[in-house]
Amino acid sequence: MSATTPQAPDRTSAPLARTLARHPRPLGGDTARHLDPPALSLTSMVLNNQPAPFSREPIGERSHTHSAPSTQHLLLRRKPDWIRARMPGGPGYLRLKQIIDDHRLHTVCEEATCPNIGECWARGTATIMILGDTCTRSCGFCNVKTGRPLPADPDEPRRVADSLALMNLKHVVITCVDRDDLPDGGAQIWADTIRRVHQACPQTSVEALIGDFKGDPAALQLVIDAQPEILAHNMETVKRMHPAVRPQANYRRSLAVLKQIKDSGLVSKSGIMVGIGEHDHEVLAVMNDVRTFADTDIFTIGQYLQPTRNHLPIDRWVTPDQFLEFKKEGLALGFKVVESGPLVRSSYHAEEQADRLSPDRRETVQMMESLLAKTPRLAASR
């Protein structure tokens, strides 16, 4: 009897179709499009995330009557017990979603598949994402779709401010996609958005999480001059990992962005992911660089979570004890605030009520509030 060929699983489900539509990039990322044909092909040895027939039999027990596929598939690794995220739902979540949908806004919570979306939206906080939902860069960790964006919307600053006025927040985080297609990288839209939010929400402090504007100091200064209460730019990973994690960014350029922010007198913030291939001593090195070169105030460290099989794989699960060690080291280096934990993301919200938090968390919130209270605009309005 002849051997039968194993049937490939159904890969036409709606979730998979959406993922492939969001990430229409070839194996290796967008940077692979511009390489010359190789003299020697290693295609049969690469880890491939594209659909291919495979057997569900355990390795070592597969029938030798079938030829093995020429490529292997990465699997999303099982999360440890300490990685727990709240499922979205409840009246607070639904109310915020309705406001965001009505004003045609984008949030990094949805676009980047943040694990904290259920918790944050339930208490009425979200990280608004401006300049569209399509990024011009192809970072290996990010779930925001890449491609050619639509033209920037000059009415977006008004819509963002109007929606935030309805939310009545104490603190708001605004971020963006990278817009390398725009001459100023979107800096003017950034400045208009911050000023509009200040006008519409005088009691709300604004935290802006920006890109590097391709190293253009003039574009960055446009955002600085709008005076957000906190201006953040993430290092994302250690120096050695930048070519794989942030191929269109530059380690020294990001340090220069943070330095210009601090030199302008604003509260500065940065952060990285861990578990993506770095070593502990490299985490300490990037924290030391951020402190000594840029004198940054706030630093966040969180576990990398692989969004899809088309993204960089998880190298390790960093334990809660190690996150605590990172926090101790960061505070010893002189950071005023260090948020370090498995589900920590850069969009830390200072509006959380201190009396509902653990003593350690309460101390962090009080320090954040102290930093914000020093800003002239908020001091005048209180």
Protein backbone atom coordinates (compact mmCIF):
# COMPACT_ATOMS: atom_id res chain seq x y z
CA MET A 1 0.00 0.00 0.00
CA SER A 2 1.39 3.37 -0.95
CA ALA A 3 1.96 5.99 1.73
CA THR A 4 -0.53 8.80 1.89
CA THR A 5 0.56 12.41 2.02
CA PRO A 6 -0.37 14.16 5.31
CA GLN A 7 -2.95 16.85 4.95
CA ALA A 8 -1.89 20.37 5.79
CA PRO A 9 -4.08 22.14 8.37
CA ASP A 10 -6.57 24.75 7.28
CA ARG A 11 -4.63 28.04 7.14
CA THR A 12 -7.41 30.15 5.66
CA SER A 13 -9.02 31.18 8.95
CA ALA A 14 -10.06 34.81 9.39
CA PRO A 15 -7.46 35.59 12.15
CA LEU A 16 -4.63 34.24 9.99
CA ALA A 17 -5.89 36.17 6.97
CA ARG A 18 -5.88 39.39 9.01
CA THR A 19 -2.35 38.74 10.24
CA LEU A 20 -1.02 38.07 6.75
CA ALA A 21 -2.75 41.21 5.47
CA ARG A 22 -1.12 43.27 8.25
CA HIS A 23 2.34 41.84 7.58
CA PRO A 24 2.75 41.38 3.81
CA ARG A 25 6.52 41.24 4.07
CA PRO A 26 8.83 38.54 2.76
CA LEU A 27 10.82 36.18 4.91
CA GLY A 28 13.57 38.22 6.54
CA GLY A 29 11.63 41.50 6.69
CA ASP A 30 11.50 44.43 4.28
CA THR A 31 15.26 44.84 4.34
CA ALA A 32 15.61 41.59 2.33
CA ARG A 33 13.99 43.18 -0.72
CA HIS A 34 17.08 45.17 -1.61
CA LEU A 35 19.70 42.43 -1.44
CA ASP A 36 21.46 41.09 -4.50
CA PRO A 37 20.84 37.42 -5.37
CA PRO A 38 23.06 35.27 -3.12
CA ALA A 39 25.97 33.34 -4.55
CA LEU A 40 24.99 30.42 -2.34
CA SER A 41 21.40 29.72 -1.32
CA LEU A 42 20.66 28.59 2.24
CA THR A 43 16.89 28.63 1.74
CA SER A 44 16.50 25.01 2.78
CA MET A 45 18.07 25.76 6.16
CA VAL A 46 16.10 28.83 7.25
CA LEU A 47 13.29 28.92 9.78
CA ASN A 48 10.25 29.67 7.67
CA ASN A 49 6.97 31.14 8.90
CA GLN A 50 5.10 30.66 5.64
CA PRO A 51 2.46 27.92 5.25
CA ALA A 52 3.87 24.49 4.39
CA PRO A 53 2.70 20.90 4.82
CA PHE A 54 3.75 19.36 8.11
CA SER A 55 3.01 16.34 10.24
CA ARG A 56 1.41 16.46 13.67
CA GLU A 57 3.45 13.41 14.73
CA PRO A 58 6.15 14.10 17.37
CA ILE A 59 9.68 14.46 16.11
CA GLY A 60 11.34 11.06 16.13
CA GLU A 61 8.05 9.23 15.52
CA ARG A 62 7.29 10.53 12.03
CA SER A 63 6.99 8.05 9.23
CA HIS A 64 10.09 7.72 7.08
CA THR A 65 7.83 7.27 4.05
CA HIS A 66 7.33 11.05 3.88
CA SER A 67 10.00 13.46 2.81
CA ALA A 68 10.71 16.13 5.42
CA PRO A 69 9.76 19.72 4.52
CA SER A 70 12.67 21.84 3.35
CA THR A 71 12.04 24.47 6.01
CA GLN A 72 11.14 24.46 9.69
CA HIS A 73 8.48 26.45 11.52
CA LEU A 74 8.84 28.61 14.61
CA LEU A 75 6.28 27.91 17.31
CA LEU A 76 4.92 30.53 19.71
CA ARG A 77 6.33 29.53 23.07
CA ARG A 78 4.05 28.70 26.00
CA LYS A 79 3.85 31.51 28.53
CA PRO A 80 4.98 30.84 32.11
CA ASP A 81 2.58 31.11 35.05
CA TRP A 82 3.66 34.65 35.96
CA ILE A 83 2.52 36.06 32.60
CA ARG A 84 -1.14 36.78 33.22
CA ALA A 85 -3.22 39.37 31.33
CA ARG A 86 -6.82 40.40 31.91
CA MET A 87 -9.28 39.58 29.15
CA PRO A 88 -10.92 42.68 27.59
CA GLY A 89 -14.48 43.39 28.69
CA GLY A 90 -16.76 45.26 31.08
CA PRO A 91 -18.55 48.63 30.92
CA GLY A 92 -15.37 50.72 31.24
CA TYR A 93 -13.71 48.87 28.38
CA LEU A 94 -16.80 49.16 26.15
CA ARG A 95 -17.25 52.88 26.91
CA LEU A 96 -13.66 53.70 25.96
CA LYS A 97 -13.82 51.58 22.83
CA GLN A 98 -16.95 53.44 21.75
CA ILE A 99 -15.23 56.85 22.19
CA ILE A 100 -12.20 55.68 20.21
CA ASP A 101 -14.32 54.23 17.42
CA ASP A 102 -16.58 57.30 17.21
CA HIS A 103 -13.59 59.62 16.77
CA ARG A 104 -11.85 57.29 14.29
CA LEU A 105 -8.74 57.05 16.45
CA HIS A 106 -6.00 54.45 16.49
CA THR A 107 -4.51 53.03 19.68
CA VAL A 108 -1.23 51.22 20.15
CA CYS A 109 -3.15 49.01 22.58
CA GLU A 110 -4.97 47.40 19.65
CA GLU A 111 -2.40 47.78 16.87
CA ALA A 112 0.50 46.35 18.90
CA THR A 113 -1.64 43.71 20.66
CA CYS A 114 -0.73 44.98 24.13
CA PRO A 115 -1.36 42.38 26.86
CA ASN A 116 -2.63 45.08 29.23
CA ILE A 117 -5.50 46.32 27.05
CA GLY A 118 -8.19 44.72 29.23
CA GLU A 119 -6.87 46.22 32.46
CA CYS A 120 -6.14 49.68 31.08
CA TRP A 121 -9.30 50.15 29.04
CA ALA A 122 -11.46 48.91 31.92
CA ARG A 123 -10.23 51.82 34.04
CA GLY A 124 -10.65 54.29 31.18
CA THR A 125 -7.08 54.77 29.95
CA ALA A 126 -5.58 54.10 26.54
CA THR A 127 -2.49 54.98 24.55
CA ILE A 128 -3.59 56.98 21.52
CA MET A 129 -1.60 56.42 18.33
CA ILE A 130 -1.40 59.31 15.88
CA LEU A 131 -0.21 59.69 12.26
CA GLY A 132 -2.21 56.70 11.07
CA ASP A 133 -1.93 52.98 11.64
CA THR A 134 0.75 52.08 9.08
CA CYS A 135 4.45 52.35 9.94
CA THR A 136 7.21 52.96 7.41
CA ARG A 137 9.63 50.78 9.38
CA SER A 138 9.77 47.02 9.83
CA CYS A 139 10.98 46.34 13.37
CA GLY A 140 11.23 42.64 14.12
CA PHE A 141 9.20 42.82 17.35
CA CYS A 142 6.31 45.16 16.52
CA ASN A 143 2.79 44.11 15.52
CA VAL A 144 1.85 47.46 13.97
CA LYS A 145 1.48 46.91 10.23
CA THR A 146 4.16 48.19 7.90
CA GLY A 147 3.85 49.62 4.42
CA ARG A 148 3.10 52.87 2.59
CA PRO A 149 0.90 55.04 4.86
CA LEU A 150 -1.98 57.24 3.81
CA PRO A 151 -1.32 61.01 3.81
CA ALA A 152 -1.25 62.57 7.27
CA ASP A 153 -4.61 63.92 8.44
CA PRO A 154 -4.33 67.63 9.47
CA ASP A 155 -7.61 67.28 11.41
CA GLU A 156 -6.26 64.48 13.60
CA PRO A 157 -5.02 66.79 16.42
CA ARG A 158 -8.56 68.16 16.88
CA ARG A 159 -10.16 64.70 16.90
CA VAL A 160 -7.64 63.44 19.46
CA ALA A 161 -8.21 66.44 21.73
CA ASP A 162 -12.01 66.17 21.49
CA SER A 163 -11.96 62.48 22.38
CA LEU A 164 -9.60 62.97 25.33
CA ALA A 165 -11.81 65.76 26.68
CA LEU A 166 -14.63 63.19 26.92
CA MET A 167 -12.40 60.75 28.82
CA ASN A 168 -11.58 63.25 31.60
CA LEU A 169 -8.15 61.76 32.31
CA LYS A 170 -5.45 62.90 34.71
CA HIS A 171 -2.69 61.58 32.45
CA VAL A 172 -2.66 60.49 28.81
CA VAL A 173 -0.06 58.70 26.70
CA ILE A 174 0.15 59.47 22.99
CA THR A 175 2.43 57.60 20.60
CA CYS A 176 2.79 57.26 16.83
CA VAL A 177 3.92 55.16 13.93
CA ASP A 178 7.18 56.14 12.27
CA ARG A 179 6.52 58.37 9.26
CA ASP A 180 9.81 58.43 7.36
CA ASP A 181 7.78 59.39 4.28
CA LEU A 182 7.09 62.87 5.69
CA PRO A 183 9.74 65.64 5.46
CA ASP A 184 9.52 66.33 9.21
CA GLY A 185 8.65 62.77 10.23
CA GLY A 186 5.26 64.02 11.45
CA ALA A 187 6.73 66.47 13.96
CA GLN A 188 4.26 69.26 13.15
CA ILE A 189 1.27 66.96 13.63
CA TRP A 190 2.84 65.93 16.93
CA ALA A 191 3.22 69.53 18.09
CA ASP A 192 -0.34 70.45 17.03
CA THR A 193 -1.75 67.41 18.84
CA ILE A 194 0.03 68.19 22.12
CA ARG A 195 -1.08 71.83 22.06
CA ARG A 196 -4.68 70.90 21.20
CA VAL A 197 -4.82 68.40 24.07
CA HIS A 198 -3.40 70.98 26.48
CA GLN A 199 -6.12 73.43 25.43
CA ALA A 200 -8.98 70.92 25.57
CA CYS A 201 -7.79 69.14 28.74
CA PRO A 202 -6.01 71.67 31.00
CA GLN A 203 -5.93 69.21 33.93
CA THR A 204 -4.45 66.38 31.88
CA SER A 205 -0.72 65.76 31.72
CA VAL A 206 0.53 64.60 28.32
CA GLU A 207 3.13 61.87 27.83
CA ALA A 208 4.41 61.68 24.25
CA LEU A 209 6.20 58.54 23.06
CA ILE A 210 8.02 59.51 19.87
CA GLY A 211 10.31 58.02 17.23
CA ASP A 212 13.75 59.35 16.32
CA PHE A 213 12.72 61.56 13.35
CA LYS A 214 15.70 60.04 11.50
CA GLY A 215 18.01 62.02 13.78
CA ASP A 216 16.70 65.47 12.73
CA PRO A 217 17.19 67.79 15.75
CA ALA A 218 14.94 70.50 14.25
CA ALA A 219 11.99 68.11 13.90
CA LEU A 220 12.49 66.87 17.46
CA GLN A 221 12.61 70.46 18.70
CA LEU A 222 9.15 71.10 17.22
CA VAL A 223 7.77 68.44 19.57
CA ILE A 224 9.85 69.65 22.52
CA ASP A 225 8.56 73.21 22.05
CA ALA A 226 4.98 71.95 22.45
CA GLN A 227 5.98 71.09 26.04
CA PRO A 228 4.54 67.66 26.80
CA GLU A 229 4.87 66.85 30.49
CA ILE A 230 6.83 63.67 29.69
CA LEU A 231 8.67 63.06 26.42
CA ALA A 232 9.67 59.43 25.84
CA HIS A 233 11.74 57.62 23.25
CA ASN A 234 12.40 53.90 23.65
CA MET A 235 15.76 52.25 23.15
CA GLU A 236 13.76 48.98 22.75
CA THR A 237 16.78 46.66 23.04
CA VAL A 238 20.48 46.47 23.79
CA LYS A 239 23.14 47.76 21.42
CA ARG A 240 24.12 44.36 19.97
CA MET A 241 20.53 43.47 19.08
CA HIS A 242 19.66 46.65 17.16
CA PRO A 243 20.36 45.30 13.64
CA ALA A 244 17.84 42.49 14.19
CA VAL A 245 15.29 44.27 16.36
CA ARG A 246 15.37 47.82 14.93
CA PRO A 247 17.03 47.60 11.49
CA GLN A 248 16.10 51.17 10.50
CA ALA A 249 17.08 52.71 13.84
CA ASN A 250 20.44 53.44 15.44
CA TYR A 251 21.59 53.01 19.04
CA ARG A 252 23.64 56.21 19.24
CA ARG A 253 20.94 58.20 17.45
CA SER A 254 18.37 57.14 20.04
CA LEU A 255 20.71 58.20 22.84
CA ALA A 256 21.09 61.59 21.13
CA VAL A 257 17.27 61.96 21.03
CA LEU A 258 17.05 61.31 24.77
CA LYS A 259 19.86 63.77 25.47
CA GLN A 260 18.19 66.55 23.50
CA ILE A 261 14.94 65.94 25.40
CA LYS A 262 16.68 66.18 28.77
CA ASP A 263 18.80 69.17 27.78
CA SER A 264 15.57 71.00 26.89
CA GLY A 265 14.31 70.67 30.47
CA LEU A 266 11.54 68.10 29.96
CA VAL A 267 10.96 64.94 31.96
CA SER A 268 12.55 62.21 29.81
CA LYS A 269 11.72 58.52 29.62
CA SER A 270 12.92 55.41 27.83
CA GLY A 271 12.56 51.63 27.98
CA ILE A 272 13.53 48.26 26.59
CA MET A 273 12.17 44.75 26.12
CA VAL A 274 13.97 41.72 27.49
CA GLY A 275 13.80 38.08 26.49
CA ILE A 276 14.53 38.77 22.83
CA GLY A 277 18.15 37.57 22.79
CA GLU A 278 20.05 39.94 25.09
CA HIS A 279 22.10 39.04 28.17
CA ASP A 280 21.60 40.50 31.65
CA HIS A 281 24.90 42.40 31.57
CA GLU A 282 23.81 44.06 28.31
CA VAL A 283 20.60 45.26 29.99
CA LEU A 284 22.70 46.91 32.69
CA ALA A 285 24.93 48.42 29.99
CA VAL A 286 22.06 50.09 28.13
CA MET A 287 20.67 51.45 31.41
CA ASN A 288 24.08 52.86 32.21
CA ASP A 289 24.35 54.47 28.74
CA VAL A 290 20.91 56.05 29.05
CA ARG A 291 21.78 57.49 32.46
CA THR A 292 25.34 58.69 31.84
CA PHE A 293 24.87 60.02 28.31
CA ALA A 294 21.28 61.31 28.43
CA ASP A 295 20.49 61.72 32.16
CA THR A 296 17.05 60.16 31.57
CA ASP A 297 14.52 60.29 34.44
CA ILE A 298 12.30 57.22 33.90
CA PHE A 299 13.11 53.74 32.60
CA THR A 300 10.83 50.77 31.88
CA ILE A 301 11.70 47.10 31.35
CA GLY A 302 9.19 44.48 30.21
CA GLN A 303 9.07 40.97 28.78
CA TYR A 304 9.03 40.67 24.99
CA LEU A 305 5.99 38.74 23.78
CA GLN A 306 6.14 37.43 20.20
CA PRO A 307 3.00 38.79 18.46
CA THR A 308 2.93 36.30 15.53
CA ARG A 309 5.11 33.69 13.88
CA ASN A 310 6.30 36.40 11.50
CA HIS A 311 8.12 38.16 14.35
CA LEU A 312 11.36 37.53 16.20
CA PRO A 313 11.10 34.51 18.51
CA ILE A 314 11.24 34.67 22.29
CA ASP A 315 14.70 33.73 23.51
CA ARG A 316 13.86 33.39 27.22
CA TRP A 317 11.27 34.15 29.88
CA VAL A 318 12.80 36.59 32.34
CA THR A 319 11.75 35.76 35.91
CA PRO A 320 10.07 38.22 38.29
CA ASP A 321 13.14 38.02 40.54
CA GLN A 322 15.38 39.15 37.69
CA PHE A 323 13.02 42.02 36.88
CA LEU A 324 13.32 43.09 40.52
CA GLU A 325 17.12 43.00 40.20
CA PHE A 326 16.93 45.20 37.09
CA LYS A 327 14.82 47.69 39.03
CA LYS A 328 17.30 47.80 41.92
CA GLU A 329 20.18 48.34 39.51
CA GLY A 330 18.31 51.09 37.69
CA LEU A 331 17.50 52.99 40.85
CA ALA A 332 21.13 52.64 41.95
CA LEU A 333 22.19 54.23 38.65
CA GLY A 334 20.08 57.29 39.44
CA PHE A 335 16.82 56.84 37.53
CA LYS A 336 14.04 58.59 39.44
CA VAL A 337 11.50 55.93 38.41
CA VAL A 338 12.12 52.36 37.21
CA GLU A 339 9.18 50.17 36.18
CA SER A 340 10.38 46.60 35.69
CA GLY A 341 8.14 43.55 35.37
CA PRO A 342 6.88 40.89 32.94
CA LEU A 343 3.87 42.89 31.69
CA VAL A 344 5.38 46.37 32.02
CA ARG A 345 5.07 48.45 28.86
CA SER A 346 6.34 51.94 28.10
CA SER A 347 2.84 53.39 28.48
CA TYR A 348 2.95 53.50 32.25
CA HIS A 349 0.01 55.55 33.59
CA ALA A 350 0.74 57.94 36.45
CA GLU A 351 -2.97 58.53 37.13
CA GLU A 352 -3.38 55.29 39.08
CA GLN A 353 -4.67 55.89 42.58
CA ALA A 354 -1.83 55.42 45.07
CA ASP A 355 -4.09 54.19 47.86
CA ARG A 356 -5.07 51.14 45.74
CA LEU A 357 -1.51 50.05 45.10
CA SER A 358 1.14 48.05 46.91
CA PRO A 359 3.70 50.11 48.91
CA ASP A 360 6.31 49.62 46.18
CA ARG A 361 3.88 50.66 43.44
CA ARG A 362 2.59 53.56 45.51
CA GLU A 363 6.12 54.93 45.84
CA THR A 364 6.53 54.80 42.05
CA VAL A 365 3.26 56.66 41.45
CA GLN A 366 4.11 59.31 44.03
CA MET A 367 7.48 59.92 42.37
CA MET A 368 5.78 60.21 38.96
CA GLU A 369 3.30 62.71 40.37
CA SER A 370 6.15 64.67 41.91
CA LEU A 371 7.90 64.89 38.54
CA LEU A 372 4.71 66.03 36.81
CA ALA A 373 3.93 68.60 39.49
CA LYS A 374 7.12 70.46 38.59
CA THR A 375 5.90 71.28 35.09
CA PRO A 376 4.87 74.98 34.84
CA ARG A 377 1.58 74.39 33.01
CA LEU A 378 0.17 71.93 35.50
CA ALA A 379 1.47 73.85 38.50
CA ALA A 380 -0.41 76.94 37.29
CA SER A 381 -3.67 75.04 36.78
CA ARG A 382 -3.75 73.33 40.18
